[in-house]
mmCIF file of all heavy atoms, coordinates in Angstrom:
data_MODEL
# 
_entry.id   MODEL 
# 
loop_
_atom_site.group_PDB 
_atom_site.id 
_atom_site.type_symbol 
_atom_site.label_atom_id 
_atom_site.label_alt_id 
_atom_site.label_comp_id 
_atom_site.label_asym_id 
_atom_site.label_entity_id 
_atom_site.label_seq_id 
_atom_site.pdbx_PDB_ins_code 
_atom_site.Cartn_x 
_atom_site.Cartn_y 
_atom_site.Cartn_z 
_atom_site.occupancy 
_atom_site.B_iso_or_equiv 
_atom_site.pdbx_formal_charge 
_atom_site.auth_seq_id 
_atom_site.auth_comp_id 
_atom_site.auth_asym_id 
_atom_site.auth_atom_id 
_atom_site.pdbx_PDB_model_num 
ATOM 1   N N   . LEU A 1 1  ? -2.666  17.980 -5.906  1.00 0.00 ? 1  LEU A N   1 
ATOM 2   C CA  . LEU A 1 1  ? -3.783  18.460 -6.712  1.00 0.00 ? 1  LEU A CA  1 
ATOM 3   C C   . LEU A 1 1  ? -5.058  18.259 -5.901  1.00 0.00 ? 1  LEU A C   1 
ATOM 4   O O   . LEU A 1 1  ? -5.253  17.222 -5.293  1.00 0.00 ? 1  LEU A O   1 
ATOM 5   C CB  . LEU A 1 1  ? -3.887  17.680 -8.030  1.00 0.00 ? 1  LEU A CB  1 
ATOM 6   C CG  . LEU A 1 1  ? -2.693  17.775 -8.971  1.00 0.00 ? 1  LEU A CG  1 
ATOM 7   C CD1 . LEU A 1 1  ? -2.928  16.878 -10.178 1.00 0.00 ? 1  LEU A CD1 1 
ATOM 8   C CD2 . LEU A 1 1  ? -2.449  19.193 -9.412  1.00 0.00 ? 1  LEU A CD2 1 
ATOM 9   N N   . ASN A 1 2  ? -5.904  19.279 -5.903  1.00 0.00 ? 2  ASN A N   1 
ATOM 10  C CA  . ASN A 1 2  ? -7.165  19.129 -5.190  1.00 0.00 ? 2  ASN A CA  1 
ATOM 11  C C   . ASN A 1 2  ? -8.261  19.905 -5.894  1.00 0.00 ? 2  ASN A C   1 
ATOM 12  O O   . ASN A 1 2  ? -8.009  20.595 -6.876  1.00 0.00 ? 2  ASN A O   1 
ATOM 13  C CB  . ASN A 1 2  ? -7.014  19.549 -3.717  1.00 0.00 ? 2  ASN A CB  1 
ATOM 14  C CG  . ASN A 1 2  ? -6.652  21.008 -3.556  1.00 0.00 ? 2  ASN A CG  1 
ATOM 15  O OD1 . ASN A 1 2  ? -7.324  21.882 -4.077  1.00 0.00 ? 2  ASN A OD1 1 
ATOM 16  N ND2 . ASN A 1 2  ? -5.571  21.267 -2.836  1.00 0.00 ? 2  ASN A ND2 1 
ATOM 17  N N   . GLY A 1 3  ? -9.454  19.782 -5.381  1.00 0.00 ? 3  GLY A N   1 
ATOM 18  C CA  . GLY A 1 3  ? -10.615 20.400 -6.007  1.00 0.00 ? 3  GLY A CA  1 
ATOM 19  C C   . GLY A 1 3  ? -10.613 21.908 -5.993  1.00 0.00 ? 3  GLY A C   1 
ATOM 20  O O   . GLY A 1 3  ? -11.406 22.541 -6.686  1.00 0.00 ? 3  GLY A O   1 
ATOM 21  N N   . GLY A 1 4  ? -9.712  22.503 -5.230  1.00 0.00 ? 4  GLY A N   1 
ATOM 22  C CA  . GLY A 1 4  ? -9.659  23.953 -5.146  1.00 0.00 ? 4  GLY A CA  1 
ATOM 23  C C   . GLY A 1 4  ? -8.539  24.598 -5.942  1.00 0.00 ? 4  GLY A C   1 
ATOM 24  O O   . GLY A 1 4  ? -8.516  25.806 -6.095  1.00 0.00 ? 4  GLY A O   1 
ATOM 25  N N   . ASN A 1 5  ? -7.602  23.807 -6.458  1.00 0.00 ? 5  ASN A N   1 
ATOM 26  C CA  . ASN A 1 5  ? -6.476  24.436 -7.145  1.00 0.00 ? 5  ASN A CA  1 
ATOM 27  C C   . ASN A 1 5  ? -6.312  24.025 -8.609  1.00 0.00 ? 5  ASN A C   1 
ATOM 28  O O   . ASN A 1 5  ? -5.313  24.354 -9.225  1.00 0.00 ? 5  ASN A O   1 
ATOM 29  C CB  . ASN A 1 5  ? -5.169  24.201 -6.381  1.00 0.00 ? 5  ASN A CB  1 
ATOM 30  C CG  . ASN A 1 5  ? -4.683  22.764 -6.401  1.00 0.00 ? 5  ASN A CG  1 
ATOM 31  O OD1 . ASN A 1 5  ? -5.222  21.914 -7.083  1.00 0.00 ? 5  ASN A OD1 1 
ATOM 32  N ND2 . ASN A 1 5  ? -3.646  22.495 -5.636  1.00 0.00 ? 5  ASN A ND2 1 
ATOM 33  N N   . CYS A 1 6  ? -7.273  23.315 -9.163  1.00 0.00 ? 6  CYS A N   1 
ATOM 34  C CA  . CYS A 1 6  ? -7.203  22.892 -10.565 1.00 0.00 ? 6  CYS A CA  1 
ATOM 35  C C   . CYS A 1 6  ? -8.462  23.345 -11.299 1.00 0.00 ? 6  CYS A C   1 
ATOM 36  O O   . CYS A 1 6  ? -9.566  23.145 -10.818 1.00 0.00 ? 6  CYS A O   1 
ATOM 37  C CB  . CYS A 1 6  ? -7.104  21.377 -10.673 1.00 0.00 ? 6  CYS A CB  1 
ATOM 38  S SG  . CYS A 1 6  ? -5.635  20.700 -9.922  1.00 0.00 ? 6  CYS A SG  1 
ATOM 39  N N   . GLN A 1 7  ? -8.277  23.920 -12.471 1.00 0.00 ? 7  GLN A N   1 
ATOM 40  C CA  . GLN A 1 7  ? -9.400  24.389 -13.268 1.00 0.00 ? 7  GLN A CA  1 
ATOM 41  C C   . GLN A 1 7  ? -9.749  23.392 -14.366 1.00 0.00 ? 7  GLN A C   1 
ATOM 42  O O   . GLN A 1 7  ? -8.869  22.733 -14.916 1.00 0.00 ? 7  GLN A O   1 
ATOM 43  C CB  . GLN A 1 7  ? -9.074  25.728 -13.917 1.00 0.00 ? 7  GLN A CB  1 
ATOM 44  C CG  . GLN A 1 7  ? -8.859  26.835 -12.909 1.00 0.00 ? 7  GLN A CG  1 
ATOM 45  C CD  . GLN A 1 7  ? -8.442  28.119 -13.586 1.00 0.00 ? 7  GLN A CD  1 
ATOM 46  O OE1 . GLN A 1 7  ? -7.584  28.116 -14.465 1.00 0.00 ? 7  GLN A OE1 1 
ATOM 47  N NE2 . GLN A 1 7  ? -9.051  29.212 -13.181 1.00 0.00 ? 7  GLN A NE2 1 
ATOM 48  N N   . ILE A 1 8  ? -11.026 23.332 -14.705 1.00 0.00 ? 8  ILE A N   1 
ATOM 49  C CA  . ILE A 1 8  ? -11.500 22.476 -15.800 1.00 0.00 ? 8  ILE A CA  1 
ATOM 50  C C   . ILE A 1 8  ? -11.055 23.103 -17.115 1.00 0.00 ? 8  ILE A C   1 
ATOM 51  O O   . ILE A 1 8  ? -11.376 24.256 -17.397 1.00 0.00 ? 8  ILE A O   1 
ATOM 52  C CB  . ILE A 1 8  ? -13.031 22.325 -15.759 1.00 0.00 ? 8  ILE A CB  1 
ATOM 53  C CG1 . ILE A 1 8  ? -13.450 21.651 -14.445 1.00 0.00 ? 8  ILE A CG1 1 
ATOM 54  C CG2 . ILE A 1 8  ? -13.532 21.548 -16.976 1.00 0.00 ? 8  ILE A CG2 1 
ATOM 55  C CD1 . ILE A 1 8  ? -14.951 21.682 -14.182 1.00 0.00 ? 8  ILE A CD1 1 
ATOM 56  N N   . ILE A 1 9  ? -10.327 22.323 -17.918 1.00 0.00 ? 9  ILE A N   1 
ATOM 57  C CA  . ILE A 1 9  ? -9.857  22.832 -19.212 1.00 0.00 ? 9  ILE A CA  1 
ATOM 58  C C   . ILE A 1 9  ? -10.447 22.056 -20.390 1.00 0.00 ? 9  ILE A C   1 
ATOM 59  O O   . ILE A 1 9  ? -10.381 22.510 -21.520 1.00 0.00 ? 9  ILE A O   1 
ATOM 60  C CB  . ILE A 1 9  ? -8.319  22.836 -19.310 1.00 0.00 ? 9  ILE A CB  1 
ATOM 61  C CG1 . ILE A 1 9  ? -7.746  21.429 -19.146 1.00 0.00 ? 9  ILE A CG1 1 
ATOM 62  C CG2 . ILE A 1 9  ? -7.727  23.810 -18.308 1.00 0.00 ? 9  ILE A CG2 1 
ATOM 63  C CD1 . ILE A 1 9  ? -6.269  21.305 -19.489 1.00 0.00 ? 9  ILE A CD1 1 
ATOM 64  N N   . ASN A 1 10 ? -11.015 20.882 -20.105 1.00 0.00 ? 10 ASN A N   1 
ATOM 65  C CA  . ASN A 1 10 ? -11.602 20.072 -21.167 1.00 0.00 ? 10 ASN A CA  1 
ATOM 66  C C   . ASN A 1 10 ? -12.573 19.084 -20.532 1.00 0.00 ? 10 ASN A C   1 
ATOM 67  O O   . ASN A 1 10 ? -12.474 18.777 -19.353 1.00 0.00 ? 10 ASN A O   1 
ATOM 68  C CB  . ASN A 1 10 ? -10.512 19.324 -21.928 1.00 0.00 ? 10 ASN A CB  1 
ATOM 69  C CG  . ASN A 1 10 ? -10.973 18.844 -23.285 1.00 0.00 ? 10 ASN A CG  1 
ATOM 70  O OD1 . ASN A 1 10 ? -12.106 19.072 -23.682 1.00 0.00 ? 10 ASN A OD1 1 
ATOM 71  N ND2 . ASN A 1 10 ? -10.103 18.148 -24.000 1.00 0.00 ? 10 ASN A ND2 1 
ATOM 72  N N   . LYS A 1 11 ? -13.497 18.587 -21.332 1.00 0.00 ? 11 LYS A N   1 
ATOM 73  C CA  . LYS A 1 11 ? -14.455 17.599 -20.830 1.00 0.00 ? 11 LYS A CA  1 
ATOM 74  C C   . LYS A 1 11 ? -14.793 16.617 -21.937 1.00 0.00 ? 11 LYS A C   1 
ATOM 75  O O   . LYS A 1 11 ? -14.747 16.950 -23.120 1.00 0.00 ? 11 LYS A O   1 
ATOM 76  C CB  . LYS A 1 11 ? -15.706 18.272 -20.275 1.00 0.00 ? 11 LYS A CB  1 
ATOM 77  C CG  . LYS A 1 11 ? -16.346 19.263 -21.201 1.00 0.00 ? 11 LYS A CG  1 
ATOM 78  C CD  . LYS A 1 11 ? -17.412 20.080 -20.507 1.00 0.00 ? 11 LYS A CD  1 
ATOM 79  C CE  . LYS A 1 11 ? -17.857 21.196 -21.441 1.00 0.00 ? 11 LYS A CE  1 
ATOM 80  N NZ  . LYS A 1 11 ? -18.883 22.011 -20.888 1.00 0.00 ? 11 LYS A NZ  1 
ATOM 81  N N   . THR A 1 12 ? -15.102 15.389 -21.534 1.00 0.00 ? 12 THR A N   1 
ATOM 82  C CA  . THR A 1 12 ? -15.440 14.320 -22.469 1.00 0.00 ? 12 THR A CA  1 
ATOM 83  C C   . THR A 1 12 ? -16.702 13.629 -21.969 1.00 0.00 ? 12 THR A C   1 
ATOM 84  O O   . THR A 1 12 ? -16.770 13.229 -20.801 1.00 0.00 ? 12 THR A O   1 
ATOM 85  C CB  . THR A 1 12 ? -14.297 13.277 -22.539 1.00 0.00 ? 12 THR A CB  1 
ATOM 86  O OG1 . THR A 1 12 ? -13.085 13.944 -22.873 1.00 0.00 ? 12 THR A OG1 1 
ATOM 87  C CG2 . THR A 1 12 ? -14.604 12.206 -23.570 1.00 0.00 ? 12 THR A CG2 1 
ATOM 88  N N   . LEU A 1 13 ? -17.675 13.475 -22.836 1.00 0.00 ? 13 LEU A N   1 
ATOM 89  C CA  . LEU A 1 13 ? -18.926 12.810 -22.487 1.00 0.00 ? 13 LEU A CA  1 
ATOM 90  C C   . LEU A 1 13 ? -18.781 11.307 -22.689 1.00 0.00 ? 13 LEU A C   1 
ATOM 91  O O   . LEU A 1 13 ? -18.364 10.850 -23.753 1.00 0.00 ? 13 LEU A O   1 
ATOM 92  C CB  . LEU A 1 13 ? -20.061 13.344 -23.368 1.00 0.00 ? 13 LEU A CB  1 
ATOM 93  C CG  . LEU A 1 13 ? -21.444 12.755 -23.154 1.00 0.00 ? 13 LEU A CG  1 
ATOM 94  C CD1 . LEU A 1 13 ? -21.953 13.031 -21.744 1.00 0.00 ? 13 LEU A CD1 1 
ATOM 95  C CD2 . LEU A 1 13 ? -22.423 13.317 -24.190 1.00 0.00 ? 13 LEU A CD2 1 
ATOM 96  N N   . ASN A 1 14 ? -19.096 10.553 -21.651 1.00 0.00 ? 14 ASN A N   1 
ATOM 97  C CA  . ASN A 1 14 ? -19.116 9.095  -21.703 1.00 0.00 ? 14 ASN A CA  1 
ATOM 98  C C   . ASN A 1 14 ? -20.538 8.626  -21.435 1.00 0.00 ? 14 ASN A C   1 
ATOM 99  O O   . ASN A 1 14 ? -21.420 9.424  -21.127 1.00 0.00 ? 14 ASN A O   1 
ATOM 100 C CB  . ASN A 1 14 ? -18.164 8.505  -20.656 1.00 0.00 ? 14 ASN A CB  1 
ATOM 101 C CG  . ASN A 1 14 ? -16.728 8.788  -21.006 1.00 0.00 ? 14 ASN A CG  1 
ATOM 102 O OD1 . ASN A 1 14 ? -16.247 8.408  -22.051 1.00 0.00 ? 14 ASN A OD1 1 
ATOM 103 N ND2 . ASN A 1 14 ? -16.027 9.484  -20.120 1.00 0.00 ? 14 ASN A ND2 1 
ATOM 104 N N   . GLU A 1 15 ? -20.753 7.337  -21.526 1.00 0.00 ? 15 GLU A N   1 
ATOM 105 C CA  . GLU A 1 15 ? -22.095 6.785  -21.344 1.00 0.00 ? 15 GLU A CA  1 
ATOM 106 C C   . GLU A 1 15 ? -22.655 7.038  -19.948 1.00 0.00 ? 15 GLU A C   1 
ATOM 107 O O   . GLU A 1 15 ? -23.833 7.335  -19.790 1.00 0.00 ? 15 GLU A O   1 
ATOM 108 C CB  . GLU A 1 15 ? -22.077 5.285  -21.621 1.00 0.00 ? 15 GLU A CB  1 
ATOM 109 C CG  . GLU A 1 15 ? -23.458 4.662  -21.639 1.00 0.00 ? 15 GLU A CG  1 
ATOM 110 C CD  . GLU A 1 15 ? -23.410 3.221  -22.090 1.00 0.00 ? 15 GLU A CD  1 
ATOM 111 O OE1 . GLU A 1 15 ? -22.659 2.902  -23.024 1.00 0.00 ? 15 GLU A OE1 1 
ATOM 112 O OE2 . GLU A 1 15 ? -24.154 2.426  -21.485 1.00 0.00 ? 15 GLU A OE2 1 
ATOM 113 N N   . ASP A 1 16 ? -21.808 6.938  -18.921 1.00 0.00 ? 16 ASP A N   1 
ATOM 114 C CA  . ASP A 1 16 ? -22.310 7.055  -17.553 1.00 0.00 ? 16 ASP A CA  1 
ATOM 115 C C   . ASP A 1 16 ? -21.692 8.198  -16.757 1.00 0.00 ? 16 ASP A C   1 
ATOM 116 O O   . ASP A 1 16 ? -21.936 8.331  -15.564 1.00 0.00 ? 16 ASP A O   1 
ATOM 117 C CB  . ASP A 1 16 ? -22.102 5.746  -16.796 1.00 0.00 ? 16 ASP A CB  1 
ATOM 118 C CG  . ASP A 1 16 ? -20.635 5.416  -16.585 1.00 0.00 ? 16 ASP A CG  1 
ATOM 119 O OD1 . ASP A 1 16 ? -19.780 5.947  -17.337 1.00 0.00 ? 16 ASP A OD1 1 
ATOM 120 O OD2 . ASP A 1 16 ? -20.334 4.629  -15.679 1.00 0.00 ? 16 ASP A OD2 1 
ATOM 121 N N   . ARG A 1 17 ? -20.875 9.047  -17.401 1.00 0.00 ? 17 ARG A N   1 
ATOM 122 C CA  . ARG A 1 17 ? -20.248 10.157 -16.689 1.00 0.00 ? 17 ARG A CA  1 
ATOM 123 C C   . ARG A 1 17 ? -19.652 11.157 -17.679 1.00 0.00 ? 17 ARG A C   1 
ATOM 124 O O   . ARG A 1 17 ? -19.527 10.867 -18.874 1.00 0.00 ? 17 ARG A O   1 
ATOM 125 C CB  . ARG A 1 17 ? -19.160 9.646  -15.760 1.00 0.00 ? 17 ARG A CB  1 
ATOM 126 C CG  . ARG A 1 17 ? -17.968 9.081  -16.486 1.00 0.00 ? 17 ARG A CG  1 
ATOM 127 C CD  . ARG A 1 17 ? -16.932 8.584  -15.512 1.00 0.00 ? 17 ARG A CD  1 
ATOM 128 N NE  . ARG A 1 17 ? -15.701 8.333  -16.224 1.00 0.00 ? 17 ARG A NE  1 
ATOM 129 C CZ  . ARG A 1 17 ? -15.017 7.225  -16.136 1.00 0.00 ? 17 ARG A CZ  1 
ATOM 130 N NH1 . ARG A 1 17 ? -15.428 6.259  -15.345 1.00 0.00 ? 17 ARG A NH1 1 
ATOM 131 N NH2 . ARG A 1 17 ? -13.899 7.070  -16.806 1.00 0.00 ? 17 ARG A NH2 1 
ATOM 132 N N   . VAL A 1 18 ? -19.269 12.307 -17.156 1.00 0.00 ? 18 VAL A N   1 
ATOM 133 C CA  . VAL A 1 18 ? -18.497 13.282 -17.914 1.00 0.00 ? 18 VAL A CA  1 
ATOM 134 C C   . VAL A 1 18 ? -17.134 13.357 -17.247 1.00 0.00 ? 18 VAL A C   1 
ATOM 135 O O   . VAL A 1 18 ? -17.034 13.550 -16.031 1.00 0.00 ? 18 VAL A O   1 
ATOM 136 C CB  . VAL A 1 18 ? -19.176 14.674 -17.928 1.00 0.00 ? 18 VAL A CB  1 
ATOM 137 C CG1 . VAL A 1 18 ? -18.271 15.705 -18.587 1.00 0.00 ? 18 VAL A CG1 1 
ATOM 138 C CG2 . VAL A 1 18 ? -20.516 14.614 -18.652 1.00 0.00 ? 18 VAL A CG2 1 
ATOM 139 N N   . ASP A 1 19 ? -16.077 13.141 -18.033 1.00 0.00 ? 19 ASP A N   1 
ATOM 140 C CA  . ASP A 1 19 ? -14.714 13.229 -17.531 1.00 0.00 ? 19 ASP A CA  1 
ATOM 141 C C   . ASP A 1 19 ? -14.201 14.645 -17.731 1.00 0.00 ? 19 ASP A C   1 
ATOM 142 O O   . ASP A 1 19 ? -14.471 15.278 -18.760 1.00 0.00 ? 19 ASP A O   1 
ATOM 143 C CB  . ASP A 1 19 ? -13.793 12.262 -18.273 1.00 0.00 ? 19 ASP A CB  1 
ATOM 144 C CG  . ASP A 1 19 ? -14.102 10.814 -17.953 1.00 0.00 ? 19 ASP A CG  1 
ATOM 145 O OD1 . ASP A 1 19 ? -14.546 10.531 -16.823 1.00 0.00 ? 19 ASP A OD1 1 
ATOM 146 O OD2 . ASP A 1 19 ? -13.900 9.957  -18.831 1.00 0.00 ? 19 ASP A OD2 1 
ATOM 147 N N   . PHE A 1 20 ? -13.434 15.131 -16.761 1.00 0.00 ? 20 PHE A N   1 
ATOM 148 C CA  . PHE A 1 20 ? -12.854 16.465 -16.826 1.00 0.00 ? 20 PHE A CA  1 
ATOM 149 C C   . PHE A 1 20 ? -11.336 16.375 -16.860 1.00 0.00 ? 20 PHE A C   1 
ATOM 150 O O   . PHE A 1 20 ? -10.742 15.598 -16.121 1.00 0.00 ? 20 PHE A O   1 
ATOM 151 C CB  . PHE A 1 20 ? -13.248 17.305 -15.607 1.00 0.00 ? 20 PHE A CB  1 
ATOM 152 C CG  . PHE A 1 20 ? -14.715 17.552 -15.485 1.00 0.00 ? 20 PHE A CG  1 
ATOM 153 C CD1 . PHE A 1 20 ? -15.402 17.114 -14.369 1.00 0.00 ? 20 PHE A CD1 1 
ATOM 154 C CD2 . PHE A 1 20 ? -15.407 18.222 -16.469 1.00 0.00 ? 20 PHE A CD2 1 
ATOM 155 C CE1 . PHE A 1 20 ? -16.754 17.342 -14.232 1.00 0.00 ? 20 PHE A CE1 1 
ATOM 156 C CE2 . PHE A 1 20 ? -16.771 18.454 -16.346 1.00 0.00 ? 20 PHE A CE2 1 
ATOM 157 C CZ  . PHE A 1 20 ? -17.439 18.012 -15.233 1.00 0.00 ? 20 PHE A CZ  1 
ATOM 158 N N   . ARG A 1 21 ? -10.737 17.174 -17.700 1.00 0.00 ? 21 ARG A N   1 
ATOM 159 C CA  . ARG A 1 21 ? -9.287  17.356 -17.698 1.00 0.00 ? 21 ARG A CA  1 
ATOM 160 C C   . ARG A 1 21 ? -9.042  18.653 -16.936 1.00 0.00 ? 21 ARG A C   1 
ATOM 161 O O   . ARG A 1 21 ? -9.688  19.672 -17.203 1.00 0.00 ? 21 ARG A O   1 
ATOM 162 C CB  . ARG A 1 21 ? -8.776  17.465 -19.143 1.00 0.00 ? 21 ARG A CB  1 
ATOM 163 C CG  . ARG A 1 21 ? -7.313  17.635 -19.282 1.00 0.00 ? 21 ARG A CG  1 
ATOM 164 C CD  . ARG A 1 21 ? -6.594  16.353 -18.877 1.00 0.00 ? 21 ARG A CD  1 
ATOM 165 N NE  . ARG A 1 21 ? -5.186  16.469 -19.158 1.00 0.00 ? 21 ARG A NE  1 
ATOM 166 C CZ  . ARG A 1 21 ? -4.527  15.637 -19.929 1.00 0.00 ? 21 ARG A CZ  1 
ATOM 167 N NH1 . ARG A 1 21 ? -5.126  14.622 -20.479 1.00 0.00 ? 21 ARG A NH1 1 
ATOM 168 N NH2 . ARG A 1 21 ? -3.253  15.824 -20.145 1.00 0.00 ? 21 ARG A NH2 1 
ATOM 169 N N   . LEU A 1 22 ? -8.122  18.616 -15.987 1.00 0.00 ? 22 LEU A N   1 
ATOM 170 C CA  . LEU A 1 22 ? -7.871  19.741 -15.100 1.00 0.00 ? 22 LEU A CA  1 
ATOM 171 C C   . LEU A 1 22 ? -6.435  20.223 -15.238 1.00 0.00 ? 22 LEU A C   1 
ATOM 172 O O   . LEU A 1 22 ? -5.547  19.442 -15.579 1.00 0.00 ? 22 LEU A O   1 
ATOM 173 C CB  . LEU A 1 22 ? -8.098  19.323 -13.639 1.00 0.00 ? 22 LEU A CB  1 
ATOM 174 C CG  . LEU A 1 22 ? -9.412  18.613 -13.326 1.00 0.00 ? 22 LEU A CG  1 
ATOM 175 C CD1 . LEU A 1 22 ? -9.392  18.062 -11.917 1.00 0.00 ? 22 LEU A CD1 1 
ATOM 176 C CD2 . LEU A 1 22 ? -10.579 19.549 -13.521 1.00 0.00 ? 22 LEU A CD2 1 
ATOM 177 N N   . ARG A 1 23 ? -6.225  21.500 -14.934 1.00 0.00 ? 23 ARG A N   1 
ATOM 178 C CA  . ARG A 1 23 ? -4.860  22.038 -14.928 1.00 0.00 ? 23 ARG A CA  1 
ATOM 179 C C   . ARG A 1 23 ? -4.731  23.031 -13.778 1.00 0.00 ? 23 ARG A C   1 
ATOM 180 O O   . ARG A 1 23 ? -5.589  23.891 -13.590 1.00 0.00 ? 23 ARG A O   1 
ATOM 181 C CB  . ARG A 1 23 ? -4.541  22.755 -16.230 1.00 0.00 ? 23 ARG A CB  1 
ATOM 182 C CG  . ARG A 1 23 ? -3.107  23.318 -16.238 1.00 0.00 ? 23 ARG A CG  1 
ATOM 183 C CD  . ARG A 1 23 ? -2.724  23.970 -17.544 1.00 0.00 ? 23 ARG A CD  1 
ATOM 184 N NE  . ARG A 1 23 ? -2.723  22.979 -18.609 1.00 0.00 ? 23 ARG A NE  1 
ATOM 185 C CZ  . ARG A 1 23 ? -3.245  23.195 -19.825 1.00 0.00 ? 23 ARG A CZ  1 
ATOM 186 N NH1 . ARG A 1 23 ? -3.792  24.334 -20.124 1.00 0.00 ? 23 ARG A NH1 1 
ATOM 187 N NH2 . ARG A 1 23 ? -3.212  22.240 -20.732 1.00 0.00 ? 23 ARG A NH2 1 
ATOM 188 N N   . ARG A 1 24 ? -3.630  22.880 -13.047 1.00 0.00 ? 24 ARG A N   1 
ATOM 189 C CA  . ARG A 1 24 ? -3.327  23.840 -11.987 1.00 0.00 ? 24 ARG A CA  1 
ATOM 190 C C   . ARG A 1 24 ? -2.599  25.002 -12.641 1.00 0.00 ? 24 ARG A C   1 
ATOM 191 O O   . ARG A 1 24 ? -1.570  24.820 -13.303 1.00 0.00 ? 24 ARG A O   1 
ATOM 192 C CB  . ARG A 1 24 ? -2.465  23.188 -10.915 1.00 0.00 ? 24 ARG A CB  1 
ATOM 193 C CG  . ARG A 1 24 ? -2.219  24.101 -9.736  1.00 0.00 ? 24 ARG A CG  1 
ATOM 194 C CD  . ARG A 1 24 ? -1.647  23.390 -8.555  1.00 0.00 ? 24 ARG A CD  1 
ATOM 195 N NE  . ARG A 1 24 ? -0.449  22.633 -8.915  1.00 0.00 ? 24 ARG A NE  1 
ATOM 196 C CZ  . ARG A 1 24 ? 0.050   21.654 -8.172  1.00 0.00 ? 24 ARG A CZ  1 
ATOM 197 N NH1 . ARG A 1 24 ? -0.535  21.317 -7.048  1.00 0.00 ? 24 ARG A NH1 1 
ATOM 198 N NH2 . ARG A 1 24 ? 1.130   21.011 -8.551  1.00 0.00 ? 24 ARG A NH2 1 
ATOM 199 N N   . GLU A 1 25 ? -3.145  26.189 -12.464 1.00 0.00 ? 25 GLU A N   1 
ATOM 200 C CA  . GLU A 1 25 ? -2.621  27.372 -13.133 1.00 0.00 ? 25 GLU A CA  1 
ATOM 201 C C   . GLU A 1 25 ? -1.205  27.721 -12.685 1.00 0.00 ? 25 GLU A C   1 
ATOM 202 O O   . GLU A 1 25 ? -0.384  28.154 -13.493 1.00 0.00 ? 25 GLU A O   1 
ATOM 203 C CB  . GLU A 1 25 ? -3.550  28.564 -12.876 1.00 0.00 ? 25 GLU A CB  1 
ATOM 204 C CG  . GLU A 1 25 ? -3.249  29.761 -13.734 1.00 0.00 ? 25 GLU A CG  1 
ATOM 205 C CD  . GLU A 1 25 ? -4.289  30.836 -13.599 1.00 0.00 ? 25 GLU A CD  1 
ATOM 206 O OE1 . GLU A 1 25 ? -5.484  30.516 -13.571 1.00 0.00 ? 25 GLU A OE1 1 
ATOM 207 O OE2 . GLU A 1 25 ? -3.890  32.010 -13.515 1.00 0.00 ? 25 GLU A OE2 1 
ATOM 208 N N   . SER A 1 26 ? -0.883  27.503 -11.423 1.00 0.00 ? 26 SER A N   1 
ATOM 209 C CA  . SER A 1 26 ? 0.412   27.933 -10.892 1.00 0.00 ? 26 SER A CA  1 
ATOM 210 C C   . SER A 1 26 ? 1.605   27.251 -11.548 1.00 0.00 ? 26 SER A C   1 
ATOM 211 O O   . SER A 1 26 ? 2.655   27.862 -11.714 1.00 0.00 ? 26 SER A O   1 
ATOM 212 C CB  . SER A 1 26 ? 0.469   27.720 -9.379  1.00 0.00 ? 26 SER A CB  1 
ATOM 213 O OG  . SER A 1 26 ? 0.373   26.336 -9.063  1.00 0.00 ? 26 SER A OG  1 
# 
């Protein structure tokens, strides 16, 4: 998994960051 093959499918706001849930389409 890398930054070029996974798309953002969800996000969660935290106090000091935003977390992303990713999914590789293939």
